[in-house]
PDB file of N, CA and C in Angstrom:
ATOM      1  N   MET A   1     124.447-105.695 -72.406  1.00  0.00           N
ATOM      2  CA  MET A   1     124.894-106.545 -73.482  1.00  0.00           C
ATOM      3  C   MET A   1     126.320-107.017 -73.184  1.00  0.00           C
ATOM      4  N   LEU A   2     126.600-108.218 -73.608  1.00  0.00           N
ATOM      5  CA  LEU A   2     127.889-108.847 -73.332  1.00  0.00           C
ATOM      6  C   LEU A   2     128.678-109.040 -74.621  1.00  0.00           C
ATOM      7  N   THR A   3     129.975-108.880 -74.534  1.00  0.00           N
ATOM      8  CA  THR A   3     130.822-109.142 -75.690  1.00  0.00           C
ATOM      9  C   THR A   3     131.000-110.651 -75.846  1.00  0.00           C
ATOM     10  N   ILE A   4     131.490-111.058 -76.987  1.00  0.00           N
ATOM     11  CA  ILE A   4     131.708-112.479 -77.231  1.00  0.00           C
ATOM     12  C   ILE A   4     132.716-113.054 -76.233  1.00  0.00           C
ATOM     13  N   GLY A   5     133.718-112.272 -75.869  1.00  0.00           N
ATOM     14  CA  GLY A   5     134.699-112.725 -74.887  1.00  0.00           C
ATOM     15  C   GLY A   5     134.087-112.930 -73.516  1.00  0.00           C
ATOM     16  N   GLU A   6     133.221-112.010 -73.113  1.00  0.00           N
ATOM     17  CA  GLU A   6     132.545-112.137 -71.823  1.00  0.00           C
ATOM     18  C   GLU A   6     131.637-113.362 -71.794  1.00  0.00           C
ATOM     19  N   VAL A   7     130.912-113.574 -72.886  1.00  0.00           N
ATOM     20  CA  VAL A   7     130.022-114.735 -72.974  1.00  0.00           C
ATOM     21  C   VAL A   7     130.835-116.021 -72.928  1.00  0.00           C
ATOM     22  N   ALA A   8     131.907-116.071 -73.698  1.00  0.00           N
ATOM     23  CA  ALA A   8     132.751-117.266 -73.736  1.00  0.00           C
ATOM     24  C   ALA A   8     133.263-117.598 -72.334  1.00  0.00           C
ATOM     25  N   LYS A   9     133.686-116.587 -71.614  1.00  0.00           N
ATOM     26  CA  LYS A   9     134.213-116.797 -70.268  1.00  0.00           C
ATOM     27  C   LYS A   9     133.120-117.291 -69.318  1.00  0.00           C
ATOM     28  N   LYS A  10     131.952-116.681 -69.378  1.00  0.00           N
ATOM     29  CA  LYS A  10     130.857-117.056 -68.481  1.00  0.00           C
ATOM     30  C   LYS A  10     130.342-118.463 -68.758  1.00  0.00           C
ATOM     31  N   VAL A  11     130.252-118.811 -70.036  1.00  0.00           N
ATOM     32  CA  VAL A  11     129.720-120.130 -70.415  1.00  0.00           C
ATOM     33  C   VAL A  11     130.808-121.197 -70.361  1.00  0.00           C
ATOM     34  N   GLU A  12     132.057-120.749 -70.364  1.00  0.00           N
ATOM     35  CA  GLU A  12     133.219-121.642 -70.385  1.00  0.00           C
ATOM     36  C   GLU A  12     133.279-122.453 -71.680  1.00  0.00           C
ATOM     37  N   ILE A  13     133.126-121.731 -72.790  1.00  0.00           N
ATOM     38  CA  ILE A  13     133.340-122.289 -74.121  1.00  0.00           C
ATOM     39  C   ILE A  13     134.218-121.303 -74.884  1.00  0.00           C
ATOM     40  N   SER A  14     134.745-121.743 -75.990  1.00  0.00           N
ATOM     41  CA  SER A  14     135.638-120.867 -76.754  1.00  0.00           C
ATOM     42  C   SER A  14     134.842-119.873 -77.607  1.00  0.00           C
ATOM     43  N   ILE A  15     135.517-118.784 -77.930  1.00  0.00           N
ATOM     44  CA  ILE A  15     134.935-117.805 -78.847  1.00  0.00           C
ATOM     45  C   ILE A  15     134.651-118.481 -80.183  1.00  0.00           C
ATOM     46  N   GLY A  16     135.552-119.355 -80.598  1.00  0.00           N
ATOM     47  CA  GLY A  16     135.361-120.084 -81.846  1.00  0.00           C
ATOM     48  C   GLY A  16     134.099-120.933 -81.835  1.00  0.00           C
ATOM     49  N   ALA A  17     133.802-121.535 -80.686  1.00  0.00           N
ATOM     50  CA  ALA A  17     132.581-122.348 -80.567  1.00  0.00           C
ATOM     51  C   ALA A  17     131.345-121.472 -80.727  1.00  0.00           C
ATOM     52  N   ILE A  18     131.361-120.296 -80.139  1.00  0.00           N
ATOM     53  CA  ILE A  18     130.218-119.383 -80.260  1.00  0.00           C
ATOM     54  C   ILE A  18     130.022-118.992 -81.720  1.00  0.00           C
ATOM     55  N   ARG A  19     131.102-118.663 -82.390  1.00  0.00           N
ATOM     56  CA  ARG A  19     131.013-118.306 -83.815  1.00  0.00           C
ATOM     57  C   ARG A  19     130.518-119.493 -84.638  1.00  0.00           C
ATOM     58  N   PHE A  20     130.995-120.688 -84.309  1.00  0.00           N
ATOM     59  CA  PHE A  20     130.567-121.909 -84.997  1.00  0.00           C
ATOM     60  C   PHE A  20     129.057-122.111 -84.827  1.00  0.00           C
ATOM     61  N   TYR A  21     128.565-121.989 -83.590  1.00  0.00           N
ATOM     62  CA  TYR A  21     127.131-122.168 -83.344  1.00  0.00           C
ATOM     63  C   TYR A  21     126.309-121.128 -84.106  1.00  0.00           C
ATOM     64  N   GLU A  22     126.842-119.930 -84.188  1.00  0.00           N
ATOM     65  CA  GLU A  22     126.141-118.884 -84.943  1.00  0.00           C
ATOM     66  C   GLU A  22     126.105-119.233 -86.437  1.00  0.00           C
ATOM     67  N   ARG A  23     127.237-119.691 -86.974  1.00  0.00           N
ATOM     68  CA  ARG A  23     127.291-120.080 -88.396  1.00  0.00           C
ATOM     69  C   ARG A  23     126.352-121.245 -88.698  1.00  0.00           C
ATOM     70  N   LYS A  24     126.238-122.175 -87.759  1.00  0.00           N
ATOM     71  CA  LYS A  24     125.391-123.357 -87.952  1.00  0.00           C
ATOM     72  C   LYS A  24     123.914-123.059 -87.723  1.00  0.00           C
ATOM     73  N   GLY A  25     123.593-121.847 -87.319  1.00  0.00           N
ATOM     74  CA  GLY A  25     122.201-121.472 -87.110  1.00  0.00           C
ATOM     75  C   GLY A  25     121.642-121.906 -85.772  1.00  0.00           C
ATOM     76  N   LEU A  26     122.523-122.208 -84.796  1.00  0.00           N
ATOM     77  CA  LEU A  26     122.075-122.590 -83.455  1.00  0.00           C
ATOM     78  C   LEU A  26     121.884-121.380 -82.562  1.00  0.00           C
ATOM     79  N   LEU A  27     122.295-120.256 -83.044  1.00  0.00           N
ATOM     80  CA  LEU A  27     122.259-119.023 -82.275  1.00  0.00           C
ATOM     81  C   LEU A  27     121.936-117.906 -83.253  1.00  0.00           C
ATOM     82  N   LYS A  28     120.987-117.079 -82.874  1.00  0.00           N
ATOM     83  CA  LYS A  28     120.651-115.987 -83.791  1.00  0.00           C
ATOM     84  C   LYS A  28     121.861-115.072 -83.970  1.00  0.00           C
ATOM     85  N   PRO A  29     121.986-114.468 -85.130  1.00  0.00           N
ATOM     86  CA  PRO A  29     123.129-113.570 -85.357  1.00  0.00           C
ATOM     87  C   PRO A  29     123.173-112.476 -84.286  1.00  0.00           C
ATOM     88  N   ALA A  30     124.349-112.238 -83.782  1.00  0.00           N
ATOM     89  CA  ALA A  30     124.531-111.267 -82.698  1.00  0.00           C
ATOM     90  C   ALA A  30     124.341-109.850 -83.208  1.00  0.00           C
ATOM     91  N   ALA A  31     123.884-108.998 -82.297  1.00  0.00           N
ATOM     92  CA  ALA A  31     123.875-107.567 -82.587  1.00  0.00           C
ATOM     93  C   ALA A  31     125.332-107.120 -82.675  1.00  0.00           C
ATOM     94  N   ARG A  32     125.552-105.988 -83.279  1.00  0.00           N
ATOM     95  CA  ARG A  32     126.918-105.468 -83.419  1.00  0.00           C
ATOM     96  C   ARG A  32     126.986-104.047 -82.892  1.00  0.00           C
ATOM     97  N   ASN A  33     128.127-103.705 -82.312  1.00  0.00           N
ATOM     98  CA  ASN A  33     128.337-102.327 -81.873  1.00  0.00           C
ATOM     99  C   ASN A  33     128.988-101.522 -82.992  1.00  0.00           C
ATOM    100  N   GLU A  34     129.365-100.284 -82.692  1.00  0.00           N
ATOM    101  CA  GLU A  34     129.961 -99.396 -83.704  1.00  0.00           C
ATOM    102  C   GLU A  34     131.267 -99.945 -84.275  1.00  0.00           C
ATOM    103  N   GLN A  35     131.980-100.737 -83.461  1.00  0.00           N
ATOM    104  CA  GLN A  35     133.243-101.335 -83.900  1.00  0.00           C
ATOM    105  C   GLN A  35     133.019-102.696 -84.569  1.00  0.00           C
ATOM    106  N   ASN A  36     131.770-103.055 -84.782  1.00  0.00           N
ATOM    107  CA  ASN A  36     131.370-104.317 -85.428  1.00  0.00           C
ATOM    108  C   ASN A  36     131.648-105.541 -84.550  1.00  0.00           C
ATOM    109  N   ASN A  37     131.783-105.328 -83.241  1.00  0.00           N
ATOM    110  CA  ASN A  37     131.960-106.441 -82.316  1.00  0.00           C
ATOM    111  C   ASN A  37     130.601-107.054 -81.990  1.00  0.00           C
ATOM    112  N   ARG A  38     130.591-108.375 -81.864  1.00  0.00           N
ATOM    113  CA  ARG A  38     129.355-109.058 -81.499  1.00  0.00           C
ATOM    114  C   ARG A  38     128.950-108.703 -80.070  1.00  0.00           C
ATOM    115  N   LEU A  39     127.636-108.549 -79.887  1.00  0.00           N
ATOM    116  CA  LEU A  39     127.075-108.275 -78.567  1.00  0.00           C
ATOM    117  C   LEU A  39     125.921-109.234 -78.316  1.00  0.00           C
ATOM    118  N   TYR A  40     125.871-109.769 -77.120  1.00  0.00           N
ATOM    119  CA  TYR A  40     124.883-110.792 -76.787  1.00  0.00           C
ATOM    120  C   TYR A  40     124.053-110.383 -75.579  1.00  0.00           C
ATOM    121  N   LEU A  41     122.829-110.857 -75.578  1.00  0.00           N
ATOM    122  CA  LEU A  41     121.915-110.644 -74.455  1.00  0.00           C
ATOM    123  C   LEU A  41     122.042-111.792 -73.462  1.00  0.00           C
ATOM    124  N   GLU A  42     121.491-111.594 -72.285  1.00  0.00           N
ATOM    125  CA  GLU A  42     121.484-112.641 -71.255  1.00  0.00           C
ATOM    126  C   GLU A  42     120.778-113.896 -71.775  1.00  0.00           C
ATOM    127  N   ASP A  43     119.728-113.725 -72.572  1.00  0.00           N
ATOM    128  CA  ASP A  43     119.029-114.876 -73.164  1.00  0.00           C
ATOM    129  C   ASP A  43     119.962-115.693 -74.058  1.00  0.00           C
ATOM    130  N   ASP A  44     120.820-115.016 -74.801  1.00  0.00           N
ATOM    131  CA  ASP A  44     121.797-115.713 -75.648  1.00  0.00           C
ATOM    132  C   ASP A  44     122.752-116.523 -74.781  1.00  0.00           C
ATOM    133  N   LEU A  45     123.195-115.928 -73.693  1.00  0.00           N
ATOM    134  CA  LEU A  45     124.094-116.615 -72.770  1.00  0.00           C
ATOM    135  C   LEU A  45     123.411-117.870 -72.220  1.00  0.00           C
ATOM    136  N   ASN A  46     122.160-117.735 -71.787  1.00  0.00           N
ATOM    137  CA  ASN A  46     121.422-118.886 -71.251  1.00  0.00           C
ATOM    138  C   ASN A  46     121.251-119.981 -72.297  1.00  0.00           C
ATOM    139  N   TRP A  47     120.989-119.601 -73.530  1.00  0.00           N
ATOM    140  CA  TRP A  47     120.845-120.578 -74.603  1.00  0.00           C
ATOM    141  C   TRP A  47     122.183-121.293 -74.843  1.00  0.00           C
ATOM    142  N   LEU A  48     123.275-120.563 -74.809  1.00  0.00           N
ATOM    143  CA  LEU A  48     124.595-121.177 -74.986  1.00  0.00           C
ATOM    144  C   LEU A  48     124.917-122.150 -73.856  1.00  0.00           C
ATOM    145  N   VAL A  49     124.490-121.836 -72.645  1.00  0.00           N
ATOM    146  CA  VAL A  49     124.672-122.765 -71.521  1.00  0.00           C
ATOM    147  C   VAL A  49     123.935-124.065 -71.826  1.00  0.00           C
ATOM    148  N   PHE A  50     122.721-123.952 -72.377  1.00  0.00           N
ATOM    149  CA  PHE A  50     121.945-125.154 -72.700  1.00  0.00           C
ATOM    150  C   PHE A  50     122.564-125.917 -73.866  1.00  0.00           C
ATOM    151  N   ILE A  51     123.059-125.206 -74.873  1.00  0.00           N
ATOM    152  CA  ILE A  51     123.761-125.874 -75.983  1.00  0.00           C
ATOM    153  C   ILE A  51     124.946-126.661 -75.428  1.00  0.00           C
ATOM    154  N   LYS A  52     125.712-126.045 -74.557  1.00  0.00           N
ATOM    155  CA  LYS A  52     126.865-126.716 -73.952  1.00  0.00           C
ATOM    156  C   LYS A  52     126.419-127.971 -73.219  1.00  0.00           C
ATOM    157  N   CYS A  53     125.338-127.866 -72.464  1.00  0.00           N
ATOM    158  CA  CYS A  53     124.799-129.021 -71.745  1.00  0.00           C
ATOM    159  C   CYS A  53     124.428-130.134 -72.722  1.00  0.00           C
ATOM    160  N   LEU A  54     123.697-129.793 -73.771  1.00  0.00           N
ATOM    161  CA  LEU A  54     123.292-130.796 -74.757  1.00  0.00           C
ATOM    162  C   LEU A  54     124.498-131.441 -75.427  1.00  0.00           C
ATOM    163  N   ARG A  55     125.497-130.645 -75.779  1.00  0.00           N
ATOM    164  CA  ARG A  55     126.707-131.188 -76.410  1.00  0.00           C
ATOM    165  C   ARG A  55     127.433-132.130 -75.444  1.00  0.00           C
ATOM    166  N   GLU A  56     127.472-131.764 -74.156  1.00  0.00           N
ATOM    167  CA  GLU A  56     128.146-132.608 -73.171  1.00  0.00           C
ATOM    168  C   GLU A  56     127.419-133.925 -72.952  1.00  0.00           C
ATOM    169  N   THR A  57     126.133-133.962 -73.263  1.00  0.00           N
ATOM    170  CA  THR A  57     125.391-135.225 -73.173  1.00  0.00           C
ATOM    171  C   THR A  57     125.539-136.044 -74.444  1.00  0.00           C
ATOM    172  N   GLY A  58     126.215-135.478 -75.432  1.00  0.00           N
ATOM    173  CA  GLY A  58     126.452-136.202 -76.668  1.00  0.00           C
ATOM    174  C   GLY A  58     125.498-135.877 -77.797  1.00  0.00           C
ATOM    175  N   MET A  59     124.627-134.893 -77.608  1.00  0.00           N
ATOM    176  CA  MET A  59     123.696-134.549 -78.682  1.00  0.00           C
ATOM    177  C   MET A  59     124.460-133.918 -79.843  1.00  0.00           C
ATOM    178  N   SER A  60     124.099-134.306 -81.036  1.00  0.00           N
ATOM    179  CA  SER A  60     124.765-133.780 -82.228  1.00  0.00           C
ATOM    180  C   SER A  60     124.346-132.335 -82.497  1.00  0.00           C
ATOM    181  N   VAL A  61     125.194-131.631 -83.210  1.00  0.00           N
ATOM    182  CA  VAL A  61     124.889-130.261 -83.616  1.00  0.00           C
ATOM    183  C   VAL A  61     123.614-130.261 -84.458  1.00  0.00           C
ATOM    184  N   GLU A  62     123.450-131.278 -85.297  1.00  0.00           N
ATOM    185  CA  GLU A  62     122.269-131.357 -86.159  1.00  0.00           C
ATOM    186  C   GLU A  62     120.997-131.484 -85.328  1.00  0.00           C
ATOM    187  N   ASP A  63     121.026-132.306 -84.278  1.00  0.00           N
ATOM    188  CA  ASP A  63     119.844-132.458 -83.427  1.00  0.00           C
ATOM    189  C   ASP A  63     119.575-131.197 -82.614  1.00  0.00           C
ATOM    190  N   ILE A  64     120.637-130.514 -82.198  1.00  0.00           N
ATOM    191  CA  ILE A  64     120.440-129.252 -81.484  1.00  0.00           C
ATOM    192  C   ILE A  64     119.814-128.227 -82.419  1.00  0.00           C
ATOM    193  N   LYS A  65     120.242-128.217 -83.664  1.00  0.00           N
ATOM    194  CA  LYS A  65     119.658-127.299 -84.656  1.00  0.00           C
ATOM    195  C   LYS A  65     118.183-127.610 -84.852  1.00  0.00           C
ATOM    196  N   LYS A  66     117.866-128.876 -84.941  1.00  0.00           N
ATOM    197  CA  LYS A  66     116.469-129.300 -85.086  1.00  0.00           C
ATOM    198  C   LYS A  66     115.655-128.805 -83.885  1.00  0.00           C
ATOM    199  N   TYR A  67     116.178-129.006 -82.694  1.00  0.00           N
ATOM    200  CA  TYR A  67     115.522-128.562 -81.475  1.00  0.00           C
ATOM    201  C   TYR A  67     115.340-127.036 -81.493  1.00  0.00           C
ATOM    202  N   TYR A  68     116.399-126.314 -81.839  1.00  0.00           N
ATOM    203  CA  TYR A  68     116.362-124.847 -81.876  1.00  0.00           C
ATOM    204  C   TYR A  68     115.312-124.350 -82.868  1.00  0.00           C
ATOM    205  N   ASP A  69     115.252-124.968 -84.020  1.00  0.00           N
ATOM    206  CA  ASP A  69     114.243-124.592 -85.010  1.00  0.00           C
ATOM    207  C   ASP A  69     112.842-124.828 -84.469  1.00  0.00           C
ATOM    208  N   GLN A  70     112.668-125.938 -83.752  1.00  0.00           N
ATOM    209  CA  GLN A  70     111.362-126.236 -83.167  1.00  0.00           C
ATOM    210  C   GLN A  70     110.998-125.221 -82.084  1.00  0.00           C
ATOM    211  N   VAL A  71     111.970-124.820 -81.271  1.00  0.00           N
ATOM    212  CA  VAL A  71     111.726-123.797 -80.257  1.00  0.00           C
ATOM    213  C   VAL A  71     111.218-122.527 -80.931  1.00  0.00           C
ATOM    214  N   ASN A  72     111.851-122.159 -82.028  1.00  0.00           N
ATOM    215  CA  ASN A  72     111.477-120.934 -82.733  1.00  0.00           C
ATOM    216  C   ASN A  72     110.119-121.037 -83.412  1.00  0.00           C
ATOM    217  N   GLU A  73     109.633-122.266 -83.632  1.00  0.00           N
ATOM    218  CA  GLU A  73     108.300-122.447 -84.207  1.00  0.00           C
ATOM    219  C   GLU A  73     107.205-122.227 -83.168  1.00  0.00           C
ATOM    220  N   GLY A  74     107.546-122.337 -81.900  1.00  0.00           N
ATOM    221  CA  GLY A  74     106.562-122.079 -80.851  1.00  0.00           C
ATOM    222  C   GLY A  74     106.037-123.345 -80.194  1.00  0.00           C
ATOM    223  N   THR A  75     104.982-123.173 -79.439  1.00  0.00           N
ATOM    224  CA  THR A  75     104.455-124.255 -78.614  1.00  0.00           C
ATOM    225  C   THR A  75     103.869-125.417 -79.410  1.00  0.00           C
ATOM    226  N   SER A  76     103.617-125.230 -80.675  1.00  0.00           N
ATOM    227  CA  SER A  76     103.076-126.328 -81.489  1.00  0.00           C
ATOM    228  C   SER A  76     104.066-127.487 -81.599  1.00  0.00           C
ATOM    229  N   THR A  77     105.329-127.250 -81.266  1.00  0.00           N
ATOM    230  CA  THR A  77     106.363-128.288 -81.369  1.00  0.00           C
ATOM    231  C   THR A  77     106.767-128.859 -80.004  1.00  0.00           C
ATOM    232  N   LEU A  78     106.012-128.543 -78.975  1.00  0.00           N
ATOM    233  CA  LEU A  78     106.366-129.018 -77.632  1.00  0.00           C
ATOM    234  C   LEU A  78     106.480-130.535 -77.569  1.00  0.00           C
ATOM    235  N   LYS A  79     105.580-131.238 -78.227  1.00  0.00           N
ATOM    236  CA  LYS A  79     105.605-132.707 -78.199  1.00  0.00           C
ATOM    237  C   LYS A  79     106.905-133.242 -78.800  1.00  0.00           C
ATOM    238  N   GLU A  80     107.295-132.702 -79.946  1.00  0.00           N
ATOM    239  CA  GLU A  80     108.520-133.145 -80.608  1.00  0.00           C
ATOM    240  C   GLU A  80     109.751-132.805 -79.783  1.00  0.00           C
ATOM    241  N   ARG A  81     109.761-131.606 -79.200  1.00  0.00           N
ATOM    242  CA  ARG A  81     110.902-131.195 -78.373  1.00  0.00           C
ATOM    243  C   ARG A  81     111.011-132.053 -77.126  1.00  0.00           C
ATOM    244  N   THR A  82     109.872-132.331 -76.526  1.00  0.00           N
ATOM    245  CA  THR A  82     109.854-133.172 -75.335  1.00  0.00           C
ATOM    246  C   THR A  82     110.420-134.546 -75.660  1.00  0.00           C
ATOM    247  N   LYS A  83     110.010-135.100 -76.789  1.00  0.00           N
ATOM    248  CA  LYS A  83     110.491-136.417 -77.200  1.00  0.00           C
ATOM    249  C   LYS A  83     112.010-136.385 -77.418  1.00  0.00           C
ATOM    250  N   LEU A  84     112.508-135.349 -78.053  1.00  0.00           N
ATOM    251  CA  LEU A  84     113.948-135.225 -78.311  1.00  0.00           C
ATOM    252  C   LEU A  84     114.738-135.138 -77.003  1.00  0.00           C
ATOM    253  N   ILE A  85     114.277-134.316 -76.073  1.00  0.00           N
ATOM    254  CA  ILE A  85     114.977-134.155 -74.801  1.00  0.00           C
ATOM    255  C   ILE A  85     114.854-135.419 -73.955  1.00  0.00           C
ATOM    256  N   GLU A  86     113.682-136.056 -73.963  1.00  0.00           N
ATOM    257  CA  GLU A  86     113.528-137.320 -73.234  1.00  0.00           C
ATOM    258  C   GLU A  86     114.475-138.384 -73.788  1.00  0.00           C
ATOM    259  N   GLY A  87     114.624-138.430 -75.101  1.00  0.00           N
ATOM    260  CA  GLY A  87     115.552-139.378 -75.717  1.00  0.00           C
ATOM    261  C   GLY A  87     116.983-139.120 -75.293  1.00  0.00           C
ATOM    262  N   GLN A  88     117.353-137.860 -75.236  1.00  0.00           N
ATOM    263  CA  GLN A  88     118.708-137.511 -74.815  1.00  0.00           C
ATOM    264  C   GLN A  88     118.913-137.831 -73.344  1.00  0.00           C
ATOM    265  N   LYS A  89     117.881-137.597 -72.543  1.00  0.00           N
ATOM    266  CA  LYS A  89     117.951-137.932 -71.119  1.00  0.00           C
ATOM    267  C   LYS A  89     118.161-139.433 -70.943  1.00  0.00           C
ATOM    268  N   GLN A  90     117.428-140.242 -71.702  1.00  0.00           N
ATOM    269  CA  GLN A  90     117.568-141.689 -71.595  1.00  0.00           C
ATOM    270  C   GLN A  90     118.958-142.136 -72.019  1.00  0.00           C
ATOM    271  N   LYS A  91     119.487-141.526 -73.074  1.00  0.00           N
ATOM    272  CA  LYS A  91     120.844-141.840 -73.516  1.00  0.00           C
ATOM    273  C   LYS A  91     121.841-141.539 -72.397  1.00  0.00           C
ATOM    274  N   LEU A  92     121.664-140.401 -71.740  1.00  0.00           N
ATOM    275  CA  LEU A  92     122.552-140.025 -70.650  1.00  0.00           C
ATOM    276  C   LEU A  92     122.433-141.004 -69.482  1.00  0.00           C
ATOM    277  N   LEU A  93     121.213-141.400 -69.143  1.00  0.00           N
ATOM    278  CA  LEU A  93     121.022-142.380 -68.075  1.00  0.00           C
ATOM    279  C   LEU A  93     121.691-143.711 -68.420  1.00  0.00           C
ATOM    280  N   ASN A  94     121.588-144.124 -69.686  1.00  0.00           N
ATOM    281  CA  ASN A  94     122.265-145.348 -70.123  1.00  0.00           C
ATOM    282  C   ASN A  94     123.777-145.213 -69.991  1.00  0.00           C
ATOM    283  N   ASP A  95     124.286-144.052 -70.380  1.00  0.00           N
ATOM    284  CA  ASP A  95     125.731-143.796 -70.258  1.00  0.00           C
ATOM    285  C   ASP A  95     126.174-143.860 -68.793  1.00  0.00           C
ATOM    286  N   ILE A  96     125.360-143.308 -67.909  1.00  0.00           N
ATOM    287  CA  ILE A  96     125.681-143.340 -66.473  1.00  0.00           C
ATOM    288  C   ILE A  96     125.739-144.777 -65.980  1.00  0.00           C
ATOM    289  N   GLU A  97     124.794-145.597 -66.395  1.00  0.00           N
ATOM    290  CA  GLU A  97     124.783-147.001 -65.980  1.00  0.00           C
ATOM    291  C   GLU A  97     126.020-147.734 -66.499  1.00  0.00           C
ATOM    292  N   GLU A  98     126.411-147.446 -67.736  1.00  0.00           N
ATOM    293  CA  GLU A  98     127.638-148.038 -68.286  1.00  0.00           C
ATOM    294  C   GLU A  98     128.849-147.626 -67.456  1.00  0.00           C
ATOM    295  N   LYS A  99     128.914-146.357 -67.100  1.00  0.00           N
ATOM    296  CA  LYS A  99     130.047-145.860 -66.308  1.00  0.00           C
ATOM    297  C   LYS A  99     130.060-146.501 -64.922  1.00  0.00           C
ATOM    298  N   LYS A 100     128.887-146.692 -64.340  1.00  0.00           N
ATOM    299  CA  LYS A 100     128.820-147.366 -63.036  1.00  0.00           C
ATOM    300  C   LYS A 100     129.353-148.793 -63.143  1.00  0.00           C
ATOM    301  N   ALA A 101     128.989-149.493 -64.201  1.00  0.00           N
ATOM    302  CA  ALA A 101     129.477-150.865 -64.398  1.00  0.00           C
ATOM    303  C   ALA A 101     130.992-150.876 -64.583  1.00  0.00           C
ATOM    304  N   GLN A 102     131.518-149.899 -65.311  1.00  0.00           N
ATOM    305  CA  GLN A 102     132.959-149.803 -65.502  1.00  0.00           C
ATOM    306  C   GLN A 102     133.657-149.510 -64.177  1.00  0.00           C
ATOM    307  N   LEU A 103     133.040-148.681 -63.359  1.00  0.00           N
ATOM    308  CA  LEU A 103     133.602-148.364 -62.050  1.00  0.00           C
ATOM    309  C   LEU A 103     133.656-149.614 -61.166  1.00  0.00           C
ATOM    310  N   VAL A 104     132.620-150.417 -61.187  1.00  0.00           N
ATOM    311  CA  VAL A 104     132.608-151.668 -60.421  1.00  0.00           C
ATOM    312  C   VAL A 104     133.745-152.567 -60.886  1.00  0.00           C
ATOM    313  N   HIS A 105     133.925-152.658 -62.185  1.00  0.00           N
ATOM    314  CA  HIS A 105     134.985-153.492 -62.736  1.00  0.00           C
ATOM    315  C   HIS A 105     136.362-153.012 -62.250  1.00  0.00           C
ATOM    316  N   LEU A 106     136.575-151.717 -62.277  1.00  0.00           N
ATOM    317  CA  LEU A 106     137.854-151.166 -61.803  1.00  0.00           C
ATOM    318  C   LEU A 106     138.037-151.395 -60.307  1.00  0.00           C
ATOM    319  N   ASP A 107     136.962-151.223 -59.538  1.00  0.00           N
ATOM    320  CA  ASP A 107     137.045-151.481 -58.097  1.00  0.00           C
ATOM    321  C   ASP A 107     137.407-152.932 -57.817  1.00  0.00           C
ATOM    322  N   ASN A 108     136.812-153.854 -58.574  1.00  0.00           N
ATOM    323  CA  ASN A 108     137.132-155.274 -58.405  1.00  0.00           C
ATOM    324  C   ASN A 108     138.606-155.543 -58.695  1.00  0.00           C
ATOM    325  N   LYS A 109     139.110-154.934 -59.742  1.00  0.00           N
ATOM    326  CA  LYS A 109     140.525-155.093 -60.092  1.00  0.00           C
ATOM    327  C   LYS A 109     141.410-154.556 -58.970  1.00  0.00           C
ATOM    328  N   LEU A 110     141.066-153.372 -58.461  1.00  0.00           N
ATOM    329  CA  LEU A 110     141.857-152.794 -57.380  1.00  0.00           C
ATOM    330  C   LEU A 110     141.826-153.668 -56.132  1.00  0.00           C
ATOM    331  N   GLU A 111     140.691-154.259 -55.804  1.00  0.00           N
ATOM    332  CA  GLU A 111     140.597-155.150 -54.644  1.00  0.00           C
ATOM    333  C   GLU A 111     141.559-156.330 -54.788  1.00  0.00           C
ATOM    334  N   ARG A 112     141.652-156.882 -56.004  1.00  0.00           N
ATOM    335  CA  ARG A 112     142.594-157.984 -56.228  1.00  0.00           C
ATOM    336  C   ARG A 112     144.028-157.516 -55.999  1.00  0.00           C
ATOM    337  N   TYR A 113     144.347-156.332 -56.495  1.00  0.00           N
ATOM    338  CA  TYR A 113     145.698-155.801 -56.315  1.00  0.00           C
ATOM    339  C   TYR A 113     145.989-155.538 -54.845  1.00  0.00           C
ATOM    340  N   TYR A 114     144.996-155.000 -54.124  1.00  0.00           N
ATOM    341  CA  TYR A 114     145.187-154.750 -52.692  1.00  0.00           C
ATOM    342  C   TYR A 114     145.449-156.055 -51.919  1.00  0.00           C
ATOM    343  N   ARG A 115     144.891-157.159 -52.411  1.00  0.00           N
ATOM    344  CA  ARG A 115     145.120-158.470 -51.777  1.00  0.00           C
ATOM    345  C   ARG A 115     146.450-159.098 -52.228  1.00  0.00           C
ATOM    346  N   GLY A 116     147.140-158.411 -53.125  1.00  0.00           N
ATOM    347  CA  GLY A 116     148.425-158.910 -53.587  1.00  0.00           C
ATOM    348  C   GLY A 116     148.349-159.841 -54.783  1.00  0.00           C
ATOM    349  N   GLU A 117     147.176-159.942 -55.383  1.00  0.00           N
ATOM    350  CA  GLU A 117     147.046-160.795 -56.575  1.00  0.00           C
ATOM    351  C   GLU A 117     147.629-160.060 -57.783  1.00  0.00           C
ATOM    352  N   ASN A 118     148.193-160.834 -58.680  1.00  0.00           N
ATOM    353  CA  ASN A 118     148.815-160.242 -59.855  1.00  0.00           C
ATOM    354  C   ASN A 118     147.825-160.004 -60.989  1.00  0.00           C
ATOM    355  N   TYR A 119     146.706-160.659 -60.983  1.00  0.00           N
ATOM    356  CA  TYR A 119     145.740-160.554 -62.070  1.00  0.00           C
ATOM    357  C   TYR A 119     144.651-159.590 -61.761  1.00  0.00           C
TER     358      TYR A 119
END
């Protein structure tokens, strides 16, 4: 079992974020030791890694909660979960394309500067 500090370090998120996810129902309440410190399993750590991934793609806490609830309902929700993750994947792909276009624009600007143009 891992302490909240160990989990935070491994996942590279703050202790406050872990507590927030627990309060929001994105993470099952942690077991506690004799000193009332939170203790987490490897499965909890893996789930937090996935939450971090989803948040970094821009998924809202509300949508992650919806997804988490569906996971806990079992395989009957696979279709809905697949649709949610596919939607997030498409959003991320769109974001990547936007960033590529922005990169081209910056490269074009730099080429003008390298040629000595002021604009």
